[in-house]
C-alpha atoms as a PDB file:
ATOM      1  CA  MET A   1      -6.130 -61.390  -7.164  1.00  0.00           C
ATOM      2  CA  LEU A   2      -3.474 -57.941  -6.875  1.00  0.00           C
ATOM      3  CA  LYS A   3      -6.022 -56.647  -9.335  1.00  0.00           C
ATOM      4  CA  LYS A   4      -8.390 -56.017  -6.610  1.00  0.00           C
ATOM      5  CA  LEU A   5      -5.912 -54.810  -4.435  1.00  0.00           C
ATOM      6  CA  LEU A   6      -4.499 -52.440  -6.619  1.00  0.00           C
ATOM      7  CA  ILE A   7      -7.785 -49.220  -7.004  1.00  0.00           C
ATOM      8  CA  PRO A   8      -8.166 -49.871  -2.976  1.00  0.00           C
ATOM      9  CA  ALA A   9      -4.425 -49.437  -2.494  1.00  0.00           C
ATOM     10  CA  GLY A  10      -4.309 -46.759  -4.892  1.00  0.00           C
ATOM     11  CA  ALA A  11      -7.677 -45.084  -3.310  1.00  0.00           C
ATOM     12  CA  LEU A  12      -6.015 -44.721  -0.389  1.00  0.00           C
ATOM     13  CA  ALA A  13      -2.657 -43.397  -1.472  1.00  0.00           C
ATOM     14  CA  PHE A  14      -4.780 -40.715  -2.771  1.00  0.00           C
ATOM     15  CA  ILE A  15      -6.119 -40.336   0.401  1.00  0.00           C
ATOM     16  CA  ILE A  16      -3.369 -39.806   2.223  1.00  0.00           C
ATOM     17  CA  LEU A  17      -1.841 -37.818   0.074  1.00  0.00           C
ATOM     18  CA  LEU A  18      -4.797 -34.829  -0.454  1.00  0.00           C
ATOM     19  CA  ALA A  19      -4.882 -35.568   3.757  1.00  0.00           C
ATOM     20  CA  SER A  20      -1.641 -33.936   3.695  1.00  0.00           C
ATOM     21  CA  PHE A  21      -2.463 -30.424   2.195  1.00  0.00           C
ATOM     22  CA  LEU A  22      -5.024 -29.900   4.848  1.00  0.00           C
ATOM     23  CA  LYS A  23      -3.758 -27.275   7.709  1.00  0.00           C
ATOM     24  CA  GLU A  24      -5.102 -27.416  11.304  1.00  0.00           C
ATOM     25  CA  PRO A  25      -7.868 -25.507  12.302  1.00  0.00           C
ATOM     26  CA  ALA A  26      -7.146 -21.669  12.522  1.00  0.00           C
ATOM     27  CA  THR A  27      -6.900 -20.138  15.355  1.00  0.00           C
ATOM     28  CA  ILE A  28      -8.583 -17.266  16.566  1.00  0.00           C
ATOM     29  CA  LYS A  29      -5.327 -14.339  17.919  1.00  0.00           C
ATOM     30  CA  PRO A  30      -5.520 -11.398  19.371  1.00  0.00           C
ATOM     31  CA  PRO A  31      -4.556  -8.019  16.625  1.00  0.00           C
ATOM     32  CA  GLN A  32      -0.673  -8.052  17.303  1.00  0.00           C
ATOM     33  CA  ARG A  33       0.622  -4.627  19.040  1.00  0.00           C
ATOM     34  CA  THR A  34       3.310  -3.269  16.353  1.00  0.00           C
ATOM     35  CA  GLY A  35       6.600  -2.615  17.870  1.00  0.00           C
ATOM     36  CA  LEU A  36       6.628   0.982  16.343  1.00  0.00           C
ATOM     37  CA  LYS A  37       6.157   3.855  18.822  1.00  0.00           C
ATOM     38  CA  THR A  38       6.209   6.725  16.874  1.00  0.00           C
ATOM     39  CA  ILE A  39       5.828   7.577  12.508  1.00  0.00           C
ATOM     40  CA  ILE A  40       7.251  10.073  10.734  1.00  0.00           C
ATOM     41  CA  ILE A  41       4.819  10.913   7.523  1.00  0.00           C
ATOM     42  CA  ASP A  42       6.674  13.217   5.428  1.00  0.00           C
ATOM     43  CA  ALA A  43       4.214  14.570   2.907  1.00  0.00           C
ATOM     44  CA  GLY A  44       6.924  15.413   0.117  1.00  0.00           C
ATOM     45  CA  HIS A  45       7.761  19.165  -1.582  1.00  0.00           C
ATOM     46  CA  GLY A  46       6.108  21.612  -0.057  1.00  0.00           C
ATOM     47  CA  GLY A  47       6.129  25.938  -0.218  1.00  0.00           C
ATOM     48  CA  LYS A  48       8.102  26.479  -3.160  1.00  0.00           C
ATOM     49  CA  ALA A  49       9.264  23.863  -4.035  1.00  0.00           C
ATOM     50  CA  ALA A  50       5.738  22.230  -6.228  1.00  0.00           C
ATOM     51  CA  GLY A  51       7.520  19.020  -7.419  1.00  0.00           C
ATOM     52  CA  ALA A  52       5.948  17.314 -10.235  1.00  0.00           C
ATOM     53  CA  LYS A  53       3.152  19.087 -12.141  1.00  0.00           C
ATOM     54  CA  GLY A  54       0.043  16.971 -13.059  1.00  0.00           C
ATOM     55  CA  ALA A  55      -2.615  18.371 -16.026  1.00  0.00           C
ATOM     56  CA  PHE A  56      -4.555  20.571 -12.681  1.00  0.00           C
ATOM     57  CA  SER A  57      -2.655  19.714  -9.606  1.00  0.00           C
ATOM     58  CA  TYR A  58       1.223  19.877  -8.278  1.00  0.00           C
ATOM     59  CA  GLU A  59       2.643  17.151  -6.349  1.00  0.00           C
ATOM     60  CA  LYS A  60       2.897  19.490  -3.499  1.00  0.00           C
ATOM     61  CA  ASP A  61      -0.341  19.938  -2.650  1.00  0.00           C
ATOM     62  CA  ILE A  62      -1.425  15.216  -3.463  1.00  0.00           C
ATOM     63  CA  THR A  63       1.091  14.247  -0.765  1.00  0.00           C
ATOM     64  CA  LEU A  64       0.048  16.844   1.320  1.00  0.00           C
ATOM     65  CA  ASP A  65      -3.161  15.194   1.670  1.00  0.00           C
ATOM     66  CA  ILE A  66      -2.201  11.721   1.417  1.00  0.00           C
ATOM     67  CA  ALA A  67       0.087  12.580   4.662  1.00  0.00           C
ATOM     68  CA  LEU A  68      -3.153  13.882   6.279  1.00  0.00           C
ATOM     69  CA  GLN A  69      -5.393  10.919   5.185  1.00  0.00           C
ATOM     70  CA  ILE A  70      -2.873   7.885   6.225  1.00  0.00           C
ATOM     71  CA  GLY A  71      -1.973   9.803   9.681  1.00  0.00           C
ATOM     72  CA  LYS A  72      -5.717  10.330  10.733  1.00  0.00           C
ATOM     73  CA  LYS A  73      -6.297   6.588  10.105  1.00  0.00           C
ATOM     74  CA  LEU A  74      -2.717   5.244  11.453  1.00  0.00           C
ATOM     75  CA  GLU A  75      -4.358   7.873  14.614  1.00  0.00           C
ATOM     76  CA  LYS A  76      -7.909   5.932  14.987  1.00  0.00           C
ATOM     77  CA  ALA A  77      -6.577   2.491  14.189  1.00  0.00           C
ATOM     78  CA  PHE A  78      -3.504   3.028  16.376  1.00  0.00           C
ATOM     79  CA  PRO A  79      -4.278   5.527  19.621  1.00  0.00           C
ATOM     80  CA  GLU A  80      -0.625   4.180  20.991  1.00  0.00           C
ATOM     81  CA  MET A  81       1.403   5.362  18.289  1.00  0.00           C
ATOM     82  CA  LYS A  82       2.742   8.936  18.133  1.00  0.00           C
ATOM     83  CA  VAL A  83       2.292  10.102  14.717  1.00  0.00           C
ATOM     84  CA  LEU A  84       4.476  13.460  13.662  1.00  0.00           C
ATOM     85  CA  TYR A  85       4.096  15.534  10.244  1.00  0.00           C
ATOM     86  CA  THR A  86       7.286  16.935   8.910  1.00  0.00           C
ATOM     87  CA  ARG A  87       4.234  19.326   7.500  1.00  0.00           C
ATOM     88  CA  THR A  88       0.646  20.095   7.633  1.00  0.00           C
ATOM     89  CA  GLU A  89       0.574  23.070   5.203  1.00  0.00           C
ATOM     90  CA  ASP A  90       1.828  23.940   2.664  1.00  0.00           C
ATOM     91  CA  VAL A  91       5.504  24.907   3.524  1.00  0.00           C
ATOM     92  CA  PHE A  92       9.060  24.679   2.530  1.00  0.00           C
ATOM     93  CA  THR A  93      10.867  22.830   4.056  1.00  0.00           C
ATOM     94  CA  ALA A  94      14.778  21.884   3.658  1.00  0.00           C
ATOM     95  CA  ASN A  95      15.869  17.945   3.238  1.00  0.00           C
ATOM     96  CA  PRO A  96      18.499  17.913   6.135  1.00  0.00           C
ATOM     97  CA  TRP A  97      15.151  19.385   7.826  1.00  0.00           C
ATOM     98  CA  ARG A  98      13.405  16.746   7.534  1.00  0.00           C
ATOM     99  CA  ALA A  99      15.684  14.379   8.867  1.00  0.00           C
ATOM    100  CA  ASP A 100      16.699  16.068  11.819  1.00  0.00           C
ATOM    101  CA  PHE A 101      13.068  15.931  12.825  1.00  0.00           C
ATOM    102  CA  ALA A 102      12.868  12.213  12.375  1.00  0.00           C
ATOM    103  CA  ASN A 103      15.877  11.750  14.487  1.00  0.00           C
ATOM    104  CA  LYS A 104      15.492  14.531  17.395  1.00  0.00           C
ATOM    105  CA  ASN A 105      11.803  12.269  17.747  1.00  0.00           C
ATOM    106  CA  ALA A 106      13.206   9.388  17.599  1.00  0.00           C
ATOM    107  CA  GLY A 107      10.912   8.187  14.998  1.00  0.00           C
ATOM    108  CA  ASP A 108      10.924   4.248  14.532  1.00  0.00           C
ATOM    109  CA  LEU A 109       9.112   4.511  11.043  1.00  0.00           C
ATOM    110  CA  PHE A 110      10.091   7.590   8.546  1.00  0.00           C
ATOM    111  CA  VAL A 111       7.327   7.926   5.598  1.00  0.00           C
ATOM    112  CA  SER A 112       8.115  10.795   2.180  1.00  0.00           C
ATOM    113  CA  ILE A 113       5.330  10.475   0.154  1.00  0.00           C
ATOM    114  CA  HIS A 114       6.072  11.459  -3.173  1.00  0.00           C
ATOM    115  CA  VAL A 115       3.980  11.247  -6.849  1.00  0.00           C
ATOM    116  CA  ASN A 116       4.988  11.280 -10.388  1.00  0.00           C
ATOM    117  CA  ALA A 117       3.888  13.047 -13.489  1.00  0.00           C
ATOM    118  CA  MET A 118       2.870  11.516 -16.647  1.00  0.00           C
ATOM    119  CA  PRO A 119       2.645  12.632 -19.916  1.00  0.00           C
ATOM    120  CA  ALA A 120      -1.611  12.475 -21.713  1.00  0.00           C
ATOM    121  CA  ILE A 121      -1.482   9.175 -23.272  1.00  0.00           C
ATOM    122  CA  LYS A 122      -3.001   9.960 -26.853  1.00  0.00           C
ATOM    123  CA  HIS A 123      -5.209   6.954 -27.575  1.00  0.00           C
ATOM    124  CA  SER A 124      -4.605   6.848 -31.745  1.00  0.00           C
ATOM    125  CA  LYS A 125      -4.664   3.394 -32.929  1.00  0.00           C
ATOM    126  CA  PHE A 126      -7.153   0.607 -32.761  1.00  0.00           C
ATOM    127  CA  ILE A 127      -6.310  -2.797 -31.800  1.00  0.00           C
ATOM    128  CA  GLY A 128      -8.638  -5.036 -31.072  1.00  0.00           C
ATOM    129  CA  TYR A 129     -12.232  -6.227 -32.814  1.00  0.00           C
ATOM    130  CA  LYS A 130     -15.278  -4.032 -33.491  1.00  0.00           C
ATOM    131  CA  ARG A 131     -19.066  -5.168 -33.892  1.00  0.00           C
ATOM    132  CA  ASN A 132     -21.725  -2.735 -34.556  1.00  0.00           C
ATOM    133  CA  LEU A 133     -24.925  -2.748 -33.596  1.00  0.00           C
ATOM    134  CA  LEU A 134     -27.528  -1.575 -36.001  1.00  0.00           C
ATOM    135  CA  CYS A 135     -31.100  -0.468 -34.429  1.00  0.00           C
ATOM    136  CA  ARG A 136     -33.980  -0.059 -36.603  1.00  0.00           C
END
């Protein structure tokens, strides 16, 4: 008799355990509005300060391109938000000026963009298996 009750009781306990992991149905919420009103985007380096030098580019050019693209996307996604740039062309701006610019414009968020350069990777050792196929 005990064996007959043990299997249904175990199954019931298992179902209750699984049901405890279920979440309430997701409700669709309107997109949240951010508390940020002003974002300052700083494209690192510029002008005479080239930054890291890659094989065919400089940090100052890459960061400027990234900053302008991010700014454009933010302006489109959040038209009520003010997006300001420390530079929009290849000019030198001193670091203290960048901080003063952000403070004078009451920036809620300061995003400074930088990139690094790495030496070329030389692959001199093969690790793994190689399969040769003979075509006839």
